[in-house]
C-alpha atoms as a PDB file:
ATOM      1  CA  MET A   1      47.617  87.350 203.905  1.00  0.00           C
ATOM      2  CA  SER A   2      46.026  84.448 205.135  1.00  0.00           C
ATOM      3  CA  SER A   3      42.426  83.343 204.908  1.00  0.00           C
ATOM      4  CA  HIS A   4      41.999  81.785 208.375  1.00  0.00           C
ATOM      5  CA  SER A   5      39.469  82.875 211.101  1.00  0.00           C
ATOM      6  CA  SER A   6      40.940  84.827 214.198  1.00  0.00           C
ATOM      7  CA  GLN A   7      38.403  83.382 215.717  1.00  0.00           C
ATOM      8  CA  SER A   8      40.319  81.224 219.176  1.00  0.00           C
ATOM      9  CA  PRO A   9      38.623  77.862 219.952  1.00  0.00           C
ATOM     10  CA  ARG A  10      36.252  77.339 222.738  1.00  0.00           C
ATOM     11  CA  LEU A  11      37.758  75.824 225.570  1.00  0.00           C
ATOM     12  CA  ALA A  12      36.512  73.634 228.573  1.00  0.00           C
ATOM     13  CA  ALA A  13      37.328  71.837 231.588  1.00  0.00           C
ATOM     14  CA  CYS A  14      38.558  68.270 231.093  1.00  0.00           C
ATOM     15  CA  ILE A  15      35.705  66.228 233.365  1.00  0.00           C
ATOM     16  CA  CYS A  16      39.100  64.473 234.219  1.00  0.00           C
ATOM     17  CA  CYS A  17      42.419  66.400 234.615  1.00  0.00           C
ATOM     18  CA  GLY A  18      40.351  69.556 235.334  1.00  0.00           C
ATOM     19  CA  ARG A  19      43.001  71.301 232.311  1.00  0.00           C
ATOM     20  CA  SER A  20      41.169  73.223 229.208  1.00  0.00           C
ATOM     21  CA  VAL A  21      41.047  71.250 226.229  1.00  0.00           C
ATOM     22  CA  SER A  22      39.592  72.266 222.871  1.00  0.00           C
ATOM     23  CA  THR A  23      35.457  71.786 222.752  1.00  0.00           C
ATOM     24  CA  GLU A  24      36.218  70.423 219.364  1.00  0.00           C
ATOM     25  CA  ALA A  25      39.214  68.126 220.512  1.00  0.00           C
ATOM     26  CA  ARG A  26      37.569  64.086 220.962  1.00  0.00           C
ATOM     27  CA  MET A  27      40.124  63.389 223.972  1.00  0.00           C
ATOM     28  CA  CYS A  28      41.810  65.751 226.570  1.00  0.00           C
ATOM     29  CA  ALA A  29      45.458  65.845 225.116  1.00  0.00           C
ATOM     30  CA  HIS A  30      46.741  66.558 228.722  1.00  0.00           C
ATOM     31  CA  CYS A  31      45.491  62.739 230.507  1.00  0.00           C
ATOM     32  CA  GLY A  32      43.857  61.176 227.349  1.00  0.00           C
ATOM     33  CA  GLN A  33      39.707  61.289 228.686  1.00  0.00           C
ATOM     34  CA  PRO A  34      37.330  61.156 226.439  1.00  0.00           C
ATOM     35  CA  GLU A  35      35.366  63.911 226.243  1.00  0.00           C
ATOM     36  CA  PRO A  36      31.537  63.076 226.916  1.00  0.00           C
ATOM     37  CA  SER A  37      29.141  64.899 224.136  1.00  0.00           C
ATOM     38  CA  ASP A  38      26.909  67.532 225.606  1.00  0.00           C
ATOM     39  CA  GLN A  39      23.697  65.497 225.529  1.00  0.00           C
ATOM     40  CA  LEU A  40      25.226  63.668 228.304  1.00  0.00           C
ATOM     41  CA  ARG A  41      25.385  66.622 230.160  1.00  0.00           C
ATOM     42  CA  LEU A  42      22.470  67.821 229.185  1.00  0.00           C
ATOM     43  CA  ALA A  43      21.048  64.337 230.798  1.00  0.00           C
ATOM     44  CA  VAL A  44      22.771  65.073 233.968  1.00  0.00           C
ATOM     45  CA  GLN A  45      21.578  68.574 233.784  1.00  0.00           C
ATOM     46  CA  GLU A  46      18.036  66.169 233.996  1.00  0.00           C
ATOM     47  CA  PHE A  47      18.817  64.126 236.251  1.00  0.00           C
ATOM     48  CA  LEU A  48      19.836  66.974 238.867  1.00  0.00           C
ATOM     49  CA  ARG A  49      16.754  68.674 238.638  1.00  0.00           C
ATOM     50  CA  GLN A  50      14.232  65.698 239.510  1.00  0.00           C
ATOM     51  CA  GLU A  51      16.696  62.784 240.863  1.00  0.00           C
ATOM     52  CA  PRO A  52      19.391  62.967 244.520  1.00  0.00           C
ATOM     53  CA  LYS A  53      22.717  63.974 242.978  1.00  0.00           C
ATOM     54  CA  ILE A  54      23.962  59.932 243.866  1.00  0.00           C
ATOM     55  CA  ASN A  55      21.805  59.040 240.338  1.00  0.00           C
ATOM     56  CA  ALA A  56      23.574  61.040 238.280  1.00  0.00           C
ATOM     57  CA  ILE A  57      26.614  60.009 239.171  1.00  0.00           C
ATOM     58  CA  LYS A  58      25.498  56.574 238.945  1.00  0.00           C
ATOM     59  CA  PHE A  59      24.120  57.661 235.540  1.00  0.00           C
ATOM     60  CA  VAL A  60      27.365  59.073 234.638  1.00  0.00           C
ATOM     61  CA  ARG A  61      29.319  55.485 235.241  1.00  0.00           C
ATOM     62  CA  GLU A  62      26.878  53.735 233.205  1.00  0.00           C
ATOM     63  CA  GLN A  63      27.352  56.423 230.111  1.00  0.00           C
ATOM     64  CA  THR A  64      30.936  56.856 230.207  1.00  0.00           C
ATOM     65  CA  GLY A  65      33.133  54.042 232.512  1.00  0.00           C
ATOM     66  CA  LEU A  66      33.829  56.416 234.497  1.00  0.00           C
ATOM     67  CA  GLY A  67      35.611  55.608 237.939  1.00  0.00           C
ATOM     68  CA  LEU A  68      33.892  56.848 241.148  1.00  0.00           C
ATOM     69  CA  LYS A  69      35.891  60.379 242.036  1.00  0.00           C
ATOM     70  CA  GLU A  70      35.798  61.513 237.754  1.00  0.00           C
ATOM     71  CA  ALA A  71      31.825  60.710 237.768  1.00  0.00           C
ATOM     72  CA  ARG A  72      31.021  62.555 241.154  1.00  0.00           C
ATOM     73  CA  ASP A  73      33.843  65.459 239.607  1.00  0.00           C
ATOM     74  CA  TYR A  74      31.682  65.631 236.483  1.00  0.00           C
ATOM     75  CA  VAL A  75      28.608  66.002 238.391  1.00  0.00           C
ATOM     76  CA  GLU A  76      29.677  68.530 240.865  1.00  0.00           C
ATOM     77  CA  ARG A  77      31.152  70.953 238.142  1.00  0.00           C
ATOM     78  CA  ILE A  78      27.685  70.543 236.293  1.00  0.00           C
ATOM     79  CA  SER A  79      25.897  71.190 239.086  1.00  0.00           C
ATOM     80  CA  GLU A  80      27.803  74.418 240.468  1.00  0.00           C
ATOM     81  CA  ASN A  81      27.207  75.577 236.780  1.00  0.00           C
ATOM     82  CA  ARG A  82      23.417  75.500 236.837  1.00  0.00           C
END
């Protein structure tokens, strides 16, 4: 009998390619994009409460090195899920 838990891993969408990735993964298995931390997500949510969206996009680019499109897509996903 196996002692492994029957819980399936939690999945989240990759900020770069949008495909499902385990929340425990350090990078997307599909495109190789490193997954940003929960701290970044929380910081972006706070930016969106207080600042124009463009400032949140600039912040994400500074913190992650993502390109403009990827940073914008990431901020849009967070904005839609608030």
